[in-house]
Amino acid sequence: MADVRARIEAILRRRFLPARLEVKDDSARHAGHPGAAGGGGHFDILIVSAEFEGKPLLDRHRLVHEALEDLIGREIHALGLRTAAPSE
């Protein structure tokens, strides 16, 4: 899943120019989980971007999901998100 993590990072860096980005592959903790059987990984993301300034949490999460839409449901089974603006 290291290549998927790297792809997630590349997409988010290109789309959001984050001040901070952490992508953690948590797939190993979910081995045997029915969703993991399809090959999709579990990832936790912390992203701080000016793009989120003044936007409510739901809009921030929507933006991240849109950026990763080609991976969700295939390479990504579950996604934990923490989003923030630099002023927070």
N, C-alpha and C. Protein backbone atom coordinates (compact mmCIF):
# COMPACT_ATOMS: atom_id res chain seq x y z
N MET A 1 0.81 -1.21 0.00
CA MET A 1 0.00 0.00 0.00
C MET A 1 0.86 1.28 0.00
N ALA A 2 2.17 1.10 0.05
CA ALA A 2 3.05 2.28 0.05
C ALA A 2 2.86 3.10 -1.21
N ASP A 3 2.64 2.43 -2.35
CA ASP A 3 2.44 3.18 -3.58
C ASP A 3 1.13 3.94 -3.57
N VAL A 4 0.09 3.40 -2.95
CA VAL A 4 -1.19 4.10 -2.83
C VAL A 4 -1.01 5.31 -1.93
N ARG A 5 -0.30 5.15 -0.82
CA ARG A 5 -0.04 6.27 0.07
C ARG A 5 0.69 7.38 -0.67
N ALA A 6 1.68 7.03 -1.47
CA ALA A 6 2.44 8.01 -2.24
C ALA A 6 1.55 8.71 -3.27
N ARG A 7 0.65 7.96 -3.88
CA ARG A 7 -0.29 8.57 -4.84
C ARG A 7 -1.23 9.54 -4.16
N ILE A 8 -1.73 9.15 -2.98
CA ILE A 8 -2.61 10.04 -2.22
C ILE A 8 -1.86 11.33 -1.90
N GLU A 9 -0.64 11.20 -1.39
CA GLU A 9 0.16 12.38 -1.06
C GLU A 9 0.36 13.27 -2.28
N ALA A 10 0.72 12.68 -3.40
CA ALA A 10 0.98 13.47 -4.61
C ALA A 10 -0.27 14.22 -5.06
N ILE A 11 -1.41 13.55 -5.05
CA ILE A 11 -2.67 14.19 -5.45
C ILE A 11 -3.00 15.36 -4.52
N LEU A 12 -2.90 15.12 -3.21
CA LEU A 12 -3.26 16.17 -2.25
C LEU A 12 -2.27 17.33 -2.27
N ARG A 13 -1.00 17.05 -2.45
CA ARG A 13 -0.01 18.14 -2.55
C ARG A 13 -0.27 19.00 -3.79
N ARG A 14 -0.56 18.36 -4.89
CA ARG A 14 -0.82 19.08 -6.14
C ARG A 14 -2.10 19.91 -6.03
N ARG A 15 -3.13 19.34 -5.45
CA ARG A 15 -4.46 19.99 -5.40
C ARG A 15 -4.54 21.08 -4.34
N PHE A 16 -3.94 20.85 -3.15
CA PHE A 16 -4.16 21.76 -2.04
C PHE A 16 -2.94 22.58 -1.61
N LEU A 17 -1.75 22.27 -2.12
CA LEU A 17 -0.52 22.95 -1.69
C LEU A 17 -0.49 23.08 -0.17
N PRO A 18 -0.58 21.98 0.54
CA PRO A 18 -0.76 22.02 2.00
C PRO A 18 0.46 22.55 2.75
N ALA A 19 0.18 23.25 3.84
CA ALA A 19 1.22 23.68 4.77
C ALA A 19 1.70 22.48 5.57
N ARG A 20 0.81 21.51 5.75
CA ARG A 20 1.14 20.28 6.45
C ARG A 20 0.30 19.15 5.88
N LEU A 21 0.94 18.00 5.69
CA LEU A 21 0.22 16.84 5.18
C LEU A 21 0.82 15.59 5.78
N GLU A 22 -0.03 14.78 6.37
CA GLU A 22 0.37 13.47 6.89
C GLU A 22 -0.63 12.45 6.37
N VAL A 23 -0.10 11.41 5.75
CA VAL A 23 -0.93 10.32 5.25
C VAL A 23 -0.43 9.04 5.91
N LYS A 24 -1.28 8.43 6.70
CA LYS A 24 -0.91 7.22 7.42
C LYS A 24 -1.69 6.03 6.85
N ASP A 25 -0.96 5.01 6.45
CA ASP A 25 -1.58 3.78 5.97
C ASP A 25 -1.87 2.90 7.18
N ASP A 26 -3.14 2.75 7.49
CA ASP A 26 -3.58 2.00 8.66
C ASP A 26 -4.17 0.64 8.26
N SER A 27 -3.86 0.20 7.05
CA SER A 27 -4.46 -1.02 6.51
C SER A 27 -4.14 -2.26 7.34
N ALA A 28 -2.92 -2.36 7.85
CA ALA A 28 -2.51 -3.55 8.59
C ALA A 28 -3.40 -3.80 9.81
N ARG A 29 -3.89 -2.74 10.42
CA ARG A 29 -4.78 -2.90 11.59
C ARG A 29 -6.14 -3.44 11.21
N HIS A 30 -6.46 -3.42 9.93
CA HIS A 30 -7.79 -3.84 9.49
C HIS A 30 -7.74 -5.12 8.67
N ALA A 31 -6.65 -5.84 8.74
CA ALA A 31 -6.54 -7.11 8.01
C ALA A 31 -7.67 -8.04 8.44
N GLY A 32 -8.28 -8.68 7.48
CA GLY A 32 -9.39 -9.57 7.78
C GLY A 32 -10.74 -8.88 7.77
N HIS A 33 -10.74 -7.57 7.75
CA HIS A 33 -11.97 -6.78 7.66
C HIS A 33 -12.60 -7.04 6.29
N PRO A 34 -13.91 -7.23 6.22
CA PRO A 34 -14.53 -7.55 4.93
C PRO A 34 -14.20 -6.55 3.82
N GLY A 35 -14.14 -5.28 4.13
CA GLY A 35 -13.81 -4.28 3.11
C GLY A 35 -12.38 -4.39 2.63
N ALA A 36 -11.49 -4.82 3.51
CA ALA A 36 -10.08 -4.97 3.14
C ALA A 36 -9.88 -6.14 2.20
N ALA A 37 -10.81 -7.08 2.18
CA ALA A 37 -10.69 -8.25 1.31
C ALA A 37 -10.68 -7.86 -0.15
N GLY A 38 -11.31 -6.74 -0.47
CA GLY A 38 -11.35 -6.25 -1.85
C GLY A 38 -10.07 -5.54 -2.26
N GLY A 39 -9.12 -5.42 -1.34
CA GLY A 39 -7.85 -4.81 -1.67
C GLY A 39 -7.74 -3.34 -1.32
N GLY A 40 -8.82 -2.72 -0.93
CA GLY A 40 -8.77 -1.31 -0.58
C GLY A 40 -8.13 -1.10 0.77
N GLY A 41 -7.36 -0.03 0.89
CA GLY A 41 -6.66 0.26 2.13
C GLY A 41 -7.41 1.24 3.02
N HIS A 42 -6.96 1.30 4.25
CA HIS A 42 -7.49 2.24 5.24
C HIS A 42 -6.42 3.31 5.47
N PHE A 43 -6.80 4.56 5.32
CA PHE A 43 -5.85 5.66 5.44
C PHE A 43 -6.39 6.75 6.35
N ASP A 44 -5.49 7.34 7.13
CA ASP A 44 -5.80 8.50 7.95
C ASP A 44 -5.00 9.67 7.40
N ILE A 45 -5.68 10.80 7.20
CA ILE A 45 -5.05 11.96 6.60
C ILE A 45 -5.24 13.18 7.49
N LEU A 46 -4.14 13.89 7.69
CA LEU A 46 -4.17 15.22 8.31
C LEU A 46 -3.69 16.17 7.23
N ILE A 47 -4.50 17.17 6.91
CA ILE A 47 -4.11 18.13 5.89
C ILE A 47 -4.47 19.54 6.35
N VAL A 48 -3.49 20.44 6.25
CA VAL A 48 -3.67 21.85 6.60
C VAL A 48 -3.43 22.64 5.32
N SER A 49 -4.44 23.37 4.89
CA SER A 49 -4.34 24.10 3.62
C SER A 49 -5.12 25.41 3.68
N ALA A 50 -4.60 26.41 3.02
CA ALA A 50 -5.30 27.70 2.92
C ALA A 50 -6.62 27.53 2.17
N GLU A 51 -6.71 26.50 1.37
CA GLU A 51 -7.93 26.20 0.63
C GLU A 51 -9.13 26.00 1.56
N PHE A 52 -8.87 25.62 2.80
CA PHE A 52 -9.94 25.33 3.76
C PHE A 52 -10.36 26.55 4.57
N GLU A 53 -9.66 27.66 4.41
CA GLU A 53 -9.96 28.87 5.18
C GLU A 53 -11.42 29.30 4.95
N GLY A 54 -12.16 29.44 6.04
CA GLY A 54 -13.54 29.90 5.97
C GLY A 54 -14.56 28.87 5.51
N LYS A 55 -14.11 27.66 5.26
CA LYS A 55 -15.03 26.61 4.80
C LYS A 55 -15.43 25.71 5.96
N PRO A 56 -16.70 25.31 6.00
CA PRO A 56 -17.13 24.37 7.04
C PRO A 56 -16.52 22.98 6.81
N LEU A 57 -16.50 22.18 7.85
CA LEU A 57 -15.90 20.86 7.83
C LEU A 57 -16.43 19.99 6.68
N LEU A 58 -17.72 19.99 6.47
CA LEU A 58 -18.31 19.16 5.42
C LEU A 58 -17.76 19.54 4.04
N ASP A 59 -17.63 20.83 3.78
CA ASP A 59 -17.08 21.29 2.49
C ASP A 59 -15.62 20.89 2.34
N ARG A 60 -14.86 20.97 3.41
CA ARG A 60 -13.46 20.56 3.38
C ARG A 60 -13.33 19.08 3.02
N HIS A 61 -14.12 18.28 3.69
CA HIS A 61 -14.08 16.83 3.44
C HIS A 61 -14.53 16.51 2.02
N ARG A 62 -15.53 17.24 1.56
CA ARG A 62 -16.01 17.05 0.19
C ARG A 62 -14.90 17.33 -0.82
N LEU A 63 -14.14 18.40 -0.59
CA LEU A 63 -13.03 18.75 -1.48
C LEU A 63 -11.98 17.64 -1.54
N VAL A 64 -11.65 17.09 -0.38
CA VAL A 64 -10.65 16.01 -0.33
C VAL A 64 -11.18 14.77 -1.04
N HIS A 65 -12.44 14.43 -0.78
CA HIS A 65 -13.04 13.26 -1.44
C HIS A 65 -13.07 13.45 -2.96
N GLU A 66 -13.38 14.65 -3.41
CA GLU A 66 -13.39 14.92 -4.85
C GLU A 66 -11.99 14.75 -5.44
N ALA A 67 -10.97 15.21 -4.72
CA ALA A 67 -9.60 15.09 -5.20
C ALA A 67 -9.17 13.63 -5.31
N LEU A 68 -9.69 12.79 -4.44
CA LEU A 68 -9.28 11.38 -4.39
C LEU A 68 -10.31 10.44 -5.01
N GLU A 69 -11.29 10.98 -5.71
CA GLU A 69 -12.41 10.17 -6.19
C GLU A 69 -11.99 8.97 -7.06
N ASP A 70 -10.90 9.08 -7.79
CA ASP A 70 -10.48 7.95 -8.63
C ASP A 70 -9.93 6.78 -7.82
N LEU A 71 -9.53 7.04 -6.57
CA LEU A 71 -8.96 6.00 -5.71
C LEU A 71 -9.98 5.41 -4.74
N ILE A 72 -10.98 6.20 -4.38
CA ILE A 72 -11.97 5.77 -3.39
C ILE A 72 -12.84 4.66 -3.99
N GLY A 73 -12.96 3.58 -3.22
CA GLY A 73 -13.74 2.43 -3.67
C GLY A 73 -12.88 1.39 -4.38
N ARG A 74 -11.66 1.77 -4.71
CA ARG A 74 -10.73 0.82 -5.34
C ARG A 74 -9.53 0.66 -4.42
N GLU A 75 -8.60 1.60 -4.51
CA GLU A 75 -7.40 1.55 -3.67
C GLU A 75 -7.66 2.01 -2.24
N ILE A 76 -8.69 2.84 -2.07
CA ILE A 76 -9.05 3.34 -0.73
C ILE A 76 -10.40 2.75 -0.34
N HIS A 77 -10.41 2.01 0.77
CA HIS A 77 -11.66 1.48 1.30
C HIS A 77 -12.22 2.41 2.38
N ALA A 78 -11.34 2.92 3.23
CA ALA A 78 -11.76 3.79 4.34
C ALA A 78 -10.79 4.95 4.44
N LEU A 79 -11.35 6.12 4.78
CA LEU A 79 -10.55 7.33 4.82
C LEU A 79 -10.94 8.14 6.06
N GLY A 80 -9.97 8.35 6.95
CA GLY A 80 -10.18 9.20 8.10
C GLY A 80 -9.56 10.56 7.80
N LEU A 81 -10.32 11.63 7.98
CA LEU A 81 -9.84 12.96 7.61
C LEU A 81 -9.82 13.92 8.78
N ARG A 82 -8.73 14.65 8.90
CA ARG A 82 -8.65 15.82 9.77
C ARG A 82 -8.18 16.94 8.87
N THR A 83 -9.01 17.97 8.72
CA THR A 83 -8.71 19.09 7.84
C THR A 83 -8.68 20.37 8.65
N ALA A 84 -7.77 21.28 8.28
CA ALA A 84 -7.67 22.55 8.99
C ALA A 84 -7.11 23.61 8.06
N ALA A 85 -7.41 24.85 8.39
CA ALA A 85 -6.81 26.00 7.71
C ALA A 85 -5.58 26.41 8.52
N PRO A 86 -4.62 27.06 7.91
CA PRO A 86 -3.40 27.47 8.64
C PRO A 86 -3.69 28.36 9.86
N SER A 87 -4.78 29.09 9.84
CA SER A 87 -5.10 29.98 10.97
C SER A 87 -5.66 29.23 12.18
N GLU A 88 -5.92 27.95 12.04
CA GLU A 88 -6.52 27.19 13.14
C GLU A 88 -5.46 26.50 13.97
